[in-house]
Protein backbone atom coordinates (compact mmCIF):
# COMPACT_ATOMS: atom_id res chain seq x y z
CA UNK A 1 0.00 0.00 0.00
CA UNK A 2 2.85 2.38 0.81
CA UNK A 3 4.48 1.83 -2.57
CA UNK A 4 1.23 2.78 -4.30
CA UNK A 5 1.05 5.98 -2.27
CA UNK A 6 4.66 6.79 -3.11
CA UNK A 7 4.06 6.27 -6.83
CA UNK A 8 0.91 8.37 -6.71
CA UNK A 9 2.64 11.24 -4.94
CA UNK A 10 5.53 11.26 -7.42
CA UNK A 11 3.33 11.40 -10.49
CA UNK A 12 0.57 13.68 -9.28
CA UNK A 13 -0.35 16.90 -11.09
CA UNK A 14 0.46 18.76 -7.88
CA UNK A 15 4.09 17.56 -7.94
CA UNK A 16 4.38 18.51 -11.60
CA UNK A 17 3.22 22.02 -10.69
CA UNK A 18 5.64 22.20 -7.78
CA UNK A 19 8.47 21.16 -10.10
CA UNK A 20 7.54 23.97 -12.48
CA UNK A 21 7.56 26.46 -9.60
CA UNK A 22 10.95 25.27 -8.35
CA UNK A 23 12.50 26.43 -11.61
CA UNK A 24 11.71 30.01 -10.58
CA UNK A 25 13.29 29.83 -7.11
CA UNK A 26 16.20 32.23 -6.71
CA UNK A 27 18.49 33.30 -3.89
CA UNK A 28 15.96 35.86 -2.66
CA UNK A 29 13.19 33.38 -1.83
CA UNK A 30 15.34 30.34 -1.04
CA UNK A 31 15.95 31.15 2.68
CA UNK A 32 12.24 31.43 3.47
CA UNK A 33 11.44 28.41 1.31
CA UNK A 34 14.01 26.29 3.16
CA UNK A 35 12.65 27.28 6.56
CA UNK A 36 9.08 26.44 5.60
CA UNK A 37 10.08 23.28 3.75
CA UNK A 38 12.00 22.03 6.79
CA UNK A 39 8.99 22.76 9.00
CA UNK A 40 6.58 20.86 6.73
CA UNK A 41 9.05 17.99 6.41
CA UNK A 42 9.23 17.66 10.20
CA UNK A 43 5.60 18.27 11.05
CA UNK A 44 3.75 17.20 7.93
CA UNK A 45 1.03 14.61 8.25
CA UNK A 46 0.82 11.78 5.78
CA UNK A 47 3.11 9.83 3.55
CA UNK A 48 2.46 11.93 0.45
CA UNK A 49 3.36 15.15 2.26
CA UNK A 50 6.65 13.88 3.62
CA UNK A 51 7.68 12.16 0.40
CA UNK A 52 6.69 15.26 -1.57
CA UNK A 53 8.90 17.40 0.66
CA UNK A 54 11.79 15.01 0.10
CA UNK A 55 11.27 15.25 -3.65
CA UNK A 56 11.22 19.05 -3.51
CA UNK A 57 14.49 19.03 -1.59
CA UNK A 58 16.07 16.77 -4.21
CA UNK A 59 14.84 19.08 -6.96
CA UNK A 60 16.30 22.07 -5.14
CA UNK A 61 19.69 20.35 -4.89
CA UNK A 62 19.70 19.84 -8.64
CA UNK A 63 18.70 23.41 -9.42
CA UNK A 64 20.50 25.64 -6.93
CA UNK A 65 23.48 23.81 -5.46
CA UNK A 66 25.52 26.83 -4.40
CA UNK A 67 22.60 28.78 -3.01
CA UNK A 68 21.41 25.80 -0.97
CA UNK A 69 24.67 25.29 0.96
CA UNK A 70 23.91 27.78 3.80
CA UNK A 71 20.55 26.09 4.39
CA UNK A 72 21.72 22.48 4.21
CA UNK A 73 21.84 22.12 8.00
CA UNK A 74 18.17 23.00 8.43
CA UNK A 75 17.13 20.64 5.67
CA UNK A 76 19.32 17.80 6.96
CA UNK A 77 17.90 18.21 10.45
CA UNK A 78 14.36 17.91 9.10
CA UNK A 79 15.27 14.94 6.93
CA UNK A 80 16.93 13.14 9.83
CA UNK A 81 13.65 13.30 11.73
CA UNK A 82 12.02 11.41 8.84
CA UNK A 83 14.44 8.51 9.19
CA UNK A 84 12.49 7.33 12.22
CA UNK A 85 9.11 7.42 10.44
CA UNK A 86 7.17 4.19 10.54
CA UNK A 87 6.69 4.17 6.77
CA UNK A 88 9.51 2.54 4.80
CA UNK A 89 8.68 4.79 1.84
CA UNK A 90 9.23 7.94 3.87
CA UNK A 91 12.47 6.57 5.32
CA UNK A 92 13.74 5.70 1.84
CA UNK A 93 12.81 9.11 0.40
CA UNK A 94 14.47 10.86 3.34
CA UNK A 95 17.65 8.82 2.97
CA UNK A 96 17.78 9.61 -0.74
CA UNK A 97 17.25 13.31 -0.04
CA UNK A 98 19.98 13.31 2.60
CA UNK A 99 22.37 11.87 0.04
CA UNK A 100 21.54 14.62 -2.44
CA UNK A 101 21.89 17.41 0.13
CA UNK A 102 25.22 16.08 1.39
CA UNK A 103 26.52 15.70 -2.16
CA UNK A 104 25.46 19.26 -3.04
C-alpha atoms as a PDB file:
ATOM      1  CA  UNK A   1       0.000   0.000   0.000  1.00  0.00           C
ATOM      2  CA  UNK A   2       2.847   2.378   0.809  1.00  0.00           C
ATOM      3  CA  UNK A   3       4.475   1.826  -2.571  1.00  0.00           C
ATOM      4  CA  UNK A   4       1.228   2.777  -4.304  1.00  0.00           C
ATOM      5  CA  UNK A   5       1.051   5.976  -2.266  1.00  0.00           C
ATOM      6  CA  UNK A   6       4.665   6.791  -3.109  1.00  0.00           C
ATOM      7  CA  UNK A   7       4.063   6.267  -6.825  1.00  0.00           C
ATOM      8  CA  UNK A   8       0.908   8.368  -6.710  1.00  0.00           C
ATOM      9  CA  UNK A   9       2.642  11.244  -4.944  1.00  0.00           C
ATOM     10  CA  UNK A  10       5.528  11.257  -7.417  1.00  0.00           C
ATOM     11  CA  UNK A  11       3.329  11.396 -10.489  1.00  0.00           C
ATOM     12  CA  UNK A  12       0.565  13.681  -9.280  1.00  0.00           C
ATOM     13  CA  UNK A  13      -0.347  16.897 -11.091  1.00  0.00           C
ATOM     14  CA  UNK A  14       0.458  18.764  -7.881  1.00  0.00           C
ATOM     15  CA  UNK A  15       4.085  17.558  -7.938  1.00  0.00           C
ATOM     16  CA  UNK A  16       4.376  18.512 -11.604  1.00  0.00           C
ATOM     17  CA  UNK A  17       3.215  22.020 -10.695  1.00  0.00           C
ATOM     18  CA  UNK A  18       5.641  22.199  -7.783  1.00  0.00           C
ATOM     19  CA  UNK A  19       8.473  21.156 -10.103  1.00  0.00           C
ATOM     20  CA  UNK A  20       7.540  23.971 -12.483  1.00  0.00           C
ATOM     21  CA  UNK A  21       7.556  26.461  -9.605  1.00  0.00           C
ATOM     22  CA  UNK A  22      10.951  25.274  -8.352  1.00  0.00           C
ATOM     23  CA  UNK A  23      12.495  26.430 -11.608  1.00  0.00           C
ATOM     24  CA  UNK A  24      11.714  30.007 -10.577  1.00  0.00           C
ATOM     25  CA  UNK A  25      13.286  29.826  -7.110  1.00  0.00           C
ATOM     26  CA  UNK A  26      16.199  32.230  -6.709  1.00  0.00           C
ATOM     27  CA  UNK A  27      18.493  33.302  -3.889  1.00  0.00           C
ATOM     28  CA  UNK A  28      15.957  35.863  -2.658  1.00  0.00           C
ATOM     29  CA  UNK A  29      13.189  33.381  -1.834  1.00  0.00           C
ATOM     30  CA  UNK A  30      15.339  30.344  -1.042  1.00  0.00           C
ATOM     31  CA  UNK A  31      15.948  31.152   2.676  1.00  0.00           C
ATOM     32  CA  UNK A  32      12.241  31.432   3.468  1.00  0.00           C
ATOM     33  CA  UNK A  33      11.442  28.410   1.310  1.00  0.00           C
ATOM     34  CA  UNK A  34      14.010  26.285   3.157  1.00  0.00           C
ATOM     35  CA  UNK A  35      12.646  27.280   6.561  1.00  0.00           C
ATOM     36  CA  UNK A  36       9.081  26.440   5.601  1.00  0.00           C
ATOM     37  CA  UNK A  37      10.080  23.284   3.754  1.00  0.00           C
ATOM     38  CA  UNK A  38      12.000  22.034   6.787  1.00  0.00           C
ATOM     39  CA  UNK A  39       8.990  22.756   8.995  1.00  0.00           C
ATOM     40  CA  UNK A  40       6.577  20.861   6.735  1.00  0.00           C
ATOM     41  CA  UNK A  41       9.055  17.990   6.406  1.00  0.00           C
ATOM     42  CA  UNK A  42       9.234  17.663  10.204  1.00  0.00           C
ATOM     43  CA  UNK A  43       5.600  18.266  11.051  1.00  0.00           C
ATOM     44  CA  UNK A  44       3.748  17.198   7.926  1.00  0.00           C
ATOM     45  CA  UNK A  45       1.029  14.605   8.254  1.00  0.00           C
ATOM     46  CA  UNK A  46       0.817  11.780   5.784  1.00  0.00           C
ATOM     47  CA  UNK A  47       3.106   9.828   3.553  1.00  0.00           C
ATOM     48  CA  UNK A  48       2.464  11.932   0.448  1.00  0.00           C
ATOM     49  CA  UNK A  49       3.355  15.150   2.263  1.00  0.00           C
ATOM     50  CA  UNK A  50       6.651  13.883   3.616  1.00  0.00           C
ATOM     51  CA  UNK A  51       7.685  12.162   0.395  1.00  0.00           C
ATOM     52  CA  UNK A  52       6.690  15.258  -1.570  1.00  0.00           C
ATOM     53  CA  UNK A  53       8.895  17.401   0.664  1.00  0.00           C
ATOM     54  CA  UNK A  54      11.790  15.009   0.103  1.00  0.00           C
ATOM     55  CA  UNK A  55      11.274  15.253  -3.655  1.00  0.00           C
ATOM     56  CA  UNK A  56      11.217  19.049  -3.508  1.00  0.00           C
ATOM     57  CA  UNK A  57      14.490  19.027  -1.586  1.00  0.00           C
ATOM     58  CA  UNK A  58      16.066  16.766  -4.214  1.00  0.00           C
ATOM     59  CA  UNK A  59      14.839  19.085  -6.964  1.00  0.00           C
ATOM     60  CA  UNK A  60      16.304  22.073  -5.138  1.00  0.00           C
ATOM     61  CA  UNK A  61      19.690  20.348  -4.886  1.00  0.00           C
ATOM     62  CA  UNK A  62      19.696  19.839  -8.638  1.00  0.00           C
ATOM     63  CA  UNK A  63      18.704  23.407  -9.420  1.00  0.00           C
ATOM     64  CA  UNK A  64      20.502  25.635  -6.932  1.00  0.00           C
ATOM     65  CA  UNK A  65      23.477  23.807  -5.463  1.00  0.00           C
ATOM     66  CA  UNK A  66      25.517  26.828  -4.398  1.00  0.00           C
ATOM     67  CA  UNK A  67      22.600  28.783  -3.010  1.00  0.00           C
ATOM     68  CA  UNK A  68      21.406  25.804  -0.968  1.00  0.00           C
ATOM     69  CA  UNK A  69      24.666  25.290   0.959  1.00  0.00           C
ATOM     70  CA  UNK A  70      23.910  27.785   3.796  1.00  0.00           C
ATOM     71  CA  UNK A  71      20.550  26.087   4.392  1.00  0.00           C
ATOM     72  CA  UNK A  72      21.724  22.484   4.213  1.00  0.00           C
ATOM     73  CA  UNK A  73      21.840  22.122   8.005  1.00  0.00           C
ATOM     74  CA  UNK A  74      18.166  23.003   8.426  1.00  0.00           C
ATOM     75  CA  UNK A  75      17.130  20.643   5.675  1.00  0.00           C
ATOM     76  CA  UNK A  76      19.323  17.805   6.962  1.00  0.00           C
ATOM     77  CA  UNK A  77      17.895  18.208  10.450  1.00  0.00           C
ATOM     78  CA  UNK A  78      14.356  17.907   9.101  1.00  0.00           C
ATOM     79  CA  UNK A  79      15.274  14.936   6.931  1.00  0.00           C
ATOM     80  CA  UNK A  80      16.930  13.145   9.832  1.00  0.00           C
ATOM     81  CA  UNK A  81      13.648  13.301  11.728  1.00  0.00           C
ATOM     82  CA  UNK A  82      12.017  11.411   8.839  1.00  0.00           C
ATOM     83  CA  UNK A  83      14.439   8.512   9.186  1.00  0.00           C
ATOM     84  CA  UNK A  84      12.486   7.326  12.221  1.00  0.00           C
ATOM     85  CA  UNK A  85       9.113   7.421  10.444  1.00  0.00           C
ATOM     86  CA  UNK A  86       7.166   4.186  10.543  1.00  0.00           C
ATOM     87  CA  UNK A  87       6.690   4.166   6.771  1.00  0.00           C
ATOM     88  CA  UNK A  88       9.510   2.545   4.796  1.00  0.00           C
ATOM     89  CA  UNK A  89       8.680   4.789   1.840  1.00  0.00           C
ATOM     90  CA  UNK A  90       9.229   7.943   3.871  1.00  0.00           C
ATOM     91  CA  UNK A  91      12.468   6.572   5.316  1.00  0.00           C
ATOM     92  CA  UNK A  92      13.743   5.701   1.841  1.00  0.00           C
ATOM     93  CA  UNK A  93      12.806   9.105   0.403  1.00  0.00           C
ATOM     94  CA  UNK A  94      14.466  10.862   3.342  1.00  0.00           C
ATOM     95  CA  UNK A  95      17.647   8.820   2.967  1.00  0.00           C
ATOM     96  CA  UNK A  96      17.776   9.608  -0.745  1.00  0.00           C
ATOM     97  CA  UNK A  97      17.249  13.315  -0.045  1.00  0.00           C
ATOM     98  CA  UNK A  98      19.980  13.306   2.602  1.00  0.00           C
ATOM     99  CA  UNK A  99      22.367  11.874   0.038  1.00  0.00           C
ATOM    100  CA  UNK A 100      21.536  14.615  -2.440  1.00  0.00           C
ATOM    101  CA  UNK A 101      21.888  17.406   0.135  1.00  0.00           C
ATOM    102  CA  UNK A 102      25.216  16.085   1.386  1.00  0.00           C
ATOM    103  CA  UNK A 103      26.516  15.695  -2.163  1.00  0.00           C
ATOM    104  CA  UNK A 104      25.461  19.259  -3.044  1.00  0.00           C
END
